[in-house]
Amino acid sequence: MTVSPWRPSRLTRAQQEERRLAAQPALNDPSRTTLDLAQQFGVAEVTIRAWRARLRRDGEEALRASRATGRPERLTAAQQDEIGAILDGDPRAQGFDTHGWTIP
């Protein structure tokens, strides 16, 4: 029985950058197929083609993570964990009349 390697369903920006940079030597190898690389790095073939194009156009720097855009988070990690713990718990502990977080 063949067991495929476990891959998380979602990578952080740093992990995505690390994967792109780790793929760089293989991306420069013309003997490696798009399909082979896609399977090795757990991405779609179109992603490999995009990485190769960026690498040819702008060099290694193009594979580095870009600056995150959007509104900065207002809650600290501790506050987010606290809210998560509340939502995982029983709503009655927060003063609600029911054991579910939603009502009909």
N, C-alpha and C. Protein backbone atom coordinates (compact mmCIF):
# COMPACT_ATOMS: atom_id res chain seq x y z
N MET A 1 0.85 -1.18 0.00
CA MET A 1 0.00 0.00 0.00
C MET A 1 0.89 1.24 0.00
N THR A 2 0.61 2.17 -0.90
CA THR A 2 1.36 3.41 -0.99
C THR A 2 0.68 4.48 -0.16
N VAL A 3 1.45 5.12 0.69
CA VAL A 3 0.92 6.18 1.54
C VAL A 3 1.47 7.50 1.04
N SER A 4 0.57 8.41 0.71
CA SER A 4 1.02 9.72 0.25
C SER A 4 1.45 10.56 1.44
N PRO A 5 2.40 11.47 1.23
CA PRO A 5 2.85 12.30 2.36
C PRO A 5 1.74 13.21 2.84
N TRP A 6 1.68 13.40 4.15
CA TRP A 6 0.67 14.30 4.72
C TRP A 6 1.06 15.72 4.39
N ARG A 7 0.08 16.47 3.97
CA ARG A 7 0.29 17.90 3.71
C ARG A 7 -0.84 18.65 4.39
N PRO A 8 -0.53 19.73 5.09
CA PRO A 8 -1.60 20.50 5.71
C PRO A 8 -2.51 21.10 4.64
N SER A 9 -3.78 21.33 4.98
CA SER A 9 -4.72 21.87 4.00
C SER A 9 -4.46 23.35 3.75
N ARG A 10 -3.79 24.00 4.66
CA ARG A 10 -3.52 25.43 4.50
C ARG A 10 -2.13 25.74 5.03
N LEU A 11 -1.33 26.42 4.21
CA LEU A 11 0.03 26.80 4.61
C LEU A 11 0.08 28.28 4.96
N THR A 12 0.94 28.63 5.87
CA THR A 12 1.16 30.04 6.18
C THR A 12 1.92 30.68 5.02
N ARG A 13 1.95 32.00 4.99
CA ARG A 13 2.69 32.71 3.95
C ARG A 13 4.17 32.31 3.97
N ALA A 14 4.72 32.16 5.16
CA ALA A 14 6.13 31.78 5.29
C ALA A 14 6.36 30.37 4.75
N GLN A 15 5.44 29.45 5.02
CA GLN A 15 5.57 28.09 4.51
C GLN A 15 5.44 28.05 2.99
N GLN A 16 4.54 28.86 2.45
CA GLN A 16 4.38 28.92 0.99
C GLN A 16 5.67 29.44 0.34
N GLU A 17 6.26 30.47 0.94
CA GLU A 17 7.52 31.00 0.42
C GLU A 17 8.62 29.94 0.52
N GLU A 18 8.68 29.26 1.64
CA GLU A 18 9.70 28.22 1.82
C GLU A 18 9.57 27.14 0.74
N ARG A 19 8.33 26.76 0.43
CA ARG A 19 8.10 25.74 -0.60
C ARG A 19 8.56 26.25 -1.97
N ARG A 20 8.23 27.49 -2.31
CA ARG A 20 8.65 28.05 -3.60
C ARG A 20 10.17 28.09 -3.70
N LEU A 21 10.83 28.54 -2.64
CA LEU A 21 12.30 28.63 -2.66
C LEU A 21 12.94 27.25 -2.71
N ALA A 22 12.32 26.28 -2.04
CA ALA A 22 12.84 24.91 -2.09
C ALA A 22 12.68 24.32 -3.49
N ALA A 23 11.67 24.76 -4.20
CA ALA A 23 11.42 24.26 -5.56
C ALA A 23 12.34 24.89 -6.59
N GLN A 24 12.98 25.99 -6.26
CA GLN A 24 13.76 26.74 -7.25
C GLN A 24 14.76 25.89 -8.03
N PRO A 25 15.61 25.10 -7.38
CA PRO A 25 16.58 24.31 -8.17
C PRO A 25 15.88 23.37 -9.16
N ALA A 26 14.80 22.78 -8.73
CA ALA A 26 14.07 21.86 -9.61
C ALA A 26 13.38 22.62 -10.74
N LEU A 27 12.92 23.83 -10.46
CA LEU A 27 12.26 24.63 -11.50
C LEU A 27 13.24 24.98 -12.62
N ASN A 28 14.51 25.14 -12.27
CA ASN A 28 15.54 25.48 -13.25
C ASN A 28 16.03 24.28 -14.04
N ASP A 29 15.62 23.08 -13.64
CA ASP A 29 16.06 21.85 -14.31
C ASP A 29 15.12 21.56 -15.48
N PRO A 30 15.60 21.73 -16.72
CA PRO A 30 14.71 21.52 -17.87
C PRO A 30 14.27 20.08 -18.06
N SER A 31 14.94 19.14 -17.42
CA SER A 31 14.54 17.73 -17.57
C SER A 31 13.34 17.37 -16.69
N ARG A 32 12.99 18.22 -15.74
CA ARG A 32 11.86 17.95 -14.85
C ARG A 32 10.56 18.43 -15.50
N THR A 33 9.57 17.56 -15.54
CA THR A 33 8.29 17.93 -16.15
C THR A 33 7.44 18.72 -15.17
N THR A 34 6.50 19.44 -15.73
CA THR A 34 5.58 20.24 -14.91
C THR A 34 4.78 19.32 -13.99
N LEU A 35 4.32 18.20 -14.53
CA LEU A 35 3.53 17.25 -13.73
C LEU A 35 4.35 16.69 -12.58
N ASP A 36 5.59 16.29 -12.87
CA ASP A 36 6.48 15.75 -11.85
C ASP A 36 6.68 16.74 -10.71
N LEU A 37 6.96 18.00 -11.08
CA LEU A 37 7.18 19.02 -10.07
C LEU A 37 5.91 19.32 -9.28
N ALA A 38 4.78 19.36 -9.96
CA ALA A 38 3.50 19.62 -9.28
C ALA A 38 3.23 18.55 -8.23
N GLN A 39 3.48 17.31 -8.57
CA GLN A 39 3.27 16.21 -7.61
C GLN A 39 4.25 16.30 -6.45
N GLN A 40 5.49 16.62 -6.74
CA GLN A 40 6.50 16.70 -5.68
C GLN A 40 6.19 17.80 -4.68
N PHE A 41 5.75 18.95 -5.18
CA PHE A 41 5.55 20.10 -4.29
C PHE A 41 4.10 20.32 -3.89
N GLY A 42 3.20 19.44 -4.31
CA GLY A 42 1.81 19.50 -3.86
C GLY A 42 1.04 20.70 -4.38
N VAL A 43 1.29 21.08 -5.63
CA VAL A 43 0.59 22.20 -6.24
C VAL A 43 0.07 21.78 -7.60
N ALA A 44 -0.74 22.63 -8.22
CA ALA A 44 -1.25 22.36 -9.56
C ALA A 44 -0.17 22.64 -10.60
N GLU A 45 -0.31 22.02 -11.75
CA GLU A 45 0.66 22.24 -12.83
C GLU A 45 0.70 23.71 -13.24
N VAL A 46 -0.45 24.36 -13.25
CA VAL A 46 -0.48 25.78 -13.62
C VAL A 46 0.36 26.61 -12.66
N THR A 47 0.43 26.19 -11.42
CA THR A 47 1.25 26.89 -10.43
C THR A 47 2.73 26.75 -10.78
N ILE A 48 3.13 25.54 -11.17
CA ILE A 48 4.53 25.32 -11.56
C ILE A 48 4.88 26.18 -12.76
N ARG A 49 3.98 26.25 -13.74
CA ARG A 49 4.24 27.09 -14.92
C ARG A 49 4.37 28.56 -14.51
N ALA A 50 3.53 29.00 -13.58
CA ALA A 50 3.60 30.39 -13.11
C ALA A 50 4.91 30.65 -12.37
N TRP A 51 5.32 29.71 -11.52
CA TRP A 51 6.59 29.87 -10.79
C TRP A 51 7.76 29.96 -11.76
N ARG A 52 7.75 29.08 -12.78
CA ARG A 52 8.83 29.09 -13.76
C ARG A 52 8.87 30.42 -14.52
N ALA A 53 7.71 30.92 -14.90
CA ALA A 53 7.64 32.19 -15.63
C ALA A 53 8.16 33.34 -14.75
N ARG A 54 7.74 33.37 -13.48
CA ARG A 54 8.20 34.42 -12.57
C ARG A 54 9.70 34.34 -12.37
N LEU A 55 10.21 33.11 -12.24
CA LEU A 55 11.64 32.90 -12.03
C LEU A 55 12.43 33.38 -13.25
N ARG A 56 11.98 33.06 -14.46
CA ARG A 56 12.67 33.52 -15.68
C ARG A 56 12.62 35.04 -15.80
N ARG A 57 11.46 35.62 -15.47
CA ARG A 57 11.26 37.05 -15.66
C ARG A 57 12.01 37.88 -14.61
N ASP A 58 11.90 37.49 -13.32
CA ASP A 58 12.40 38.35 -12.24
C ASP A 58 13.43 37.71 -11.33
N GLY A 59 13.82 36.48 -11.58
CA GLY A 59 14.83 35.82 -10.75
C GLY A 59 14.26 35.30 -9.44
N GLU A 60 15.16 34.88 -8.58
CA GLU A 60 14.77 34.26 -7.30
C GLU A 60 13.88 35.16 -6.46
N GLU A 61 14.10 36.44 -6.52
CA GLU A 61 13.31 37.38 -5.69
C GLU A 61 11.82 37.25 -5.98
N ALA A 62 11.47 36.83 -7.19
CA ALA A 62 10.06 36.70 -7.57
C ALA A 62 9.37 35.56 -6.81
N LEU A 63 10.14 34.63 -6.27
CA LEU A 63 9.56 33.51 -5.53
C LEU A 63 9.39 33.82 -4.04
N ARG A 64 9.91 34.94 -3.61
CA ARG A 64 9.76 35.33 -2.21
C ARG A 64 8.35 35.83 -1.97
N ALA A 65 7.92 35.77 -0.72
CA ALA A 65 6.56 36.21 -0.36
C ALA A 65 6.44 37.71 -0.53
N SER A 66 5.30 38.11 -1.04
CA SER A 66 5.03 39.54 -1.15
C SER A 66 4.46 40.05 0.16
N ARG A 67 4.43 41.33 0.30
CA ARG A 67 3.89 41.93 1.52
C ARG A 67 2.39 41.65 1.60
N ALA A 68 1.92 41.24 2.75
CA ALA A 68 0.50 40.98 2.94
C ALA A 68 -0.27 42.29 2.89
N THR A 69 -1.35 42.27 2.15
CA THR A 69 -2.18 43.47 2.07
C THR A 69 -3.43 43.27 2.90
N GLY A 70 -4.19 44.31 3.03
CA GLY A 70 -5.42 44.21 3.79
C GLY A 70 -5.30 44.84 5.16
N ARG A 71 -6.42 44.89 5.81
CA ARG A 71 -6.49 45.50 7.13
C ARG A 71 -5.74 44.64 8.15
N PRO A 72 -4.95 45.25 9.00
CA PRO A 72 -4.26 44.48 10.04
C PRO A 72 -5.26 43.94 11.06
N GLU A 73 -4.91 42.82 11.65
CA GLU A 73 -5.78 42.23 12.65
C GLU A 73 -5.88 43.14 13.87
N ARG A 74 -7.06 43.18 14.43
CA ARG A 74 -7.26 44.01 15.63
C ARG A 74 -7.11 43.21 16.91
N LEU A 75 -7.35 41.91 16.83
CA LEU A 75 -7.25 41.06 18.01
C LEU A 75 -5.88 40.40 18.07
N THR A 76 -5.37 40.27 19.28
CA THR A 76 -4.12 39.55 19.46
C THR A 76 -4.39 38.06 19.32
N ALA A 77 -3.34 37.27 19.21
CA ALA A 77 -3.49 35.82 19.12
C ALA A 77 -4.19 35.28 20.38
N ALA A 78 -3.86 35.84 21.54
CA ALA A 78 -4.48 35.41 22.80
C ALA A 78 -5.98 35.70 22.79
N GLN A 79 -6.36 36.87 22.28
CA GLN A 79 -7.78 37.22 22.20
C GLN A 79 -8.52 36.30 21.24
N GLN A 80 -7.88 35.97 20.12
CA GLN A 80 -8.50 35.05 19.17
C GLN A 80 -8.69 33.67 19.79
N ASP A 81 -7.69 33.21 20.55
CA ASP A 81 -7.80 31.92 21.23
C ASP A 81 -8.92 31.95 22.26
N GLU A 82 -9.06 33.06 22.97
CA GLU A 82 -10.11 33.20 23.98
C GLU A 82 -11.49 33.11 23.33
N ILE A 83 -11.67 33.78 22.21
CA ILE A 83 -12.95 33.73 21.50
C ILE A 83 -13.21 32.31 21.00
N GLY A 84 -12.18 31.67 20.48
CA GLY A 84 -12.33 30.29 20.02
C GLY A 84 -12.77 29.36 21.15
N ALA A 85 -12.19 29.54 22.34
CA ALA A 85 -12.57 28.71 23.49
C ALA A 85 -14.02 28.97 23.89
N ILE A 86 -14.44 30.21 23.82
CA ILE A 86 -15.84 30.54 24.14
C ILE A 86 -16.78 29.86 23.15
N LEU A 87 -16.45 29.94 21.87
CA LEU A 87 -17.31 29.35 20.84
C LEU A 87 -17.31 27.83 20.89
N ASP A 88 -16.24 27.24 21.37
CA ASP A 88 -16.19 25.79 21.53
C ASP A 88 -16.99 25.33 22.74
N GLY A 89 -17.25 26.25 23.65
CA GLY A 89 -17.97 25.92 24.88
C GLY A 89 -19.48 25.99 24.73
N ASP A 90 -20.16 25.89 25.84
CA ASP A 90 -21.63 25.91 25.89
C ASP A 90 -22.11 27.36 25.96
N PRO A 91 -23.01 27.76 25.07
CA PRO A 91 -23.51 29.14 25.07
C PRO A 91 -24.19 29.53 26.38
N ARG A 92 -24.72 28.56 27.12
CA ARG A 92 -25.39 28.87 28.38
C ARG A 92 -24.41 29.46 29.39
N ALA A 93 -23.11 29.11 29.26
CA ALA A 93 -22.10 29.67 30.16
C ALA A 93 -21.91 31.17 29.89
N GLN A 94 -22.36 31.65 28.74
CA GLN A 94 -22.26 33.06 28.39
C GLN A 94 -23.58 33.81 28.57
N GLY A 95 -24.55 33.13 29.20
CA GLY A 95 -25.82 33.80 29.50
C GLY A 95 -26.94 33.54 28.50
N PHE A 96 -26.71 32.68 27.52
CA PHE A 96 -27.76 32.37 26.56
C PHE A 96 -28.69 31.29 27.13
N ASP A 97 -29.91 31.24 26.61
CA ASP A 97 -30.92 30.31 27.14
C ASP A 97 -30.86 28.93 26.50
N THR A 98 -30.08 28.76 25.49
CA THR A 98 -30.07 27.50 24.74
C THR A 98 -28.65 26.93 24.66
N HIS A 99 -28.57 25.66 24.31
CA HIS A 99 -27.25 25.03 24.22
C HIS A 99 -26.63 25.21 22.84
N GLY A 100 -27.33 25.81 21.89
CA GLY A 100 -26.80 26.06 20.55
C GLY A 100 -26.51 27.54 20.34
N TRP A 101 -25.56 27.84 19.47
CA TRP A 101 -25.20 29.23 19.22
C TRP A 101 -26.18 29.92 18.29
N THR A 102 -26.96 29.17 17.54
CA THR A 102 -27.95 29.78 16.66
C THR A 102 -29.34 29.33 17.06
N ILE A 103 -30.34 30.11 16.67
CA ILE A 103 -31.73 29.76 16.96
C ILE A 103 -32.48 29.74 15.63
N PRO A 104 -33.68 29.08 15.62
CA PRO A 104 -34.44 29.03 14.35
C PRO A 104 -34.79 30.42 13.83
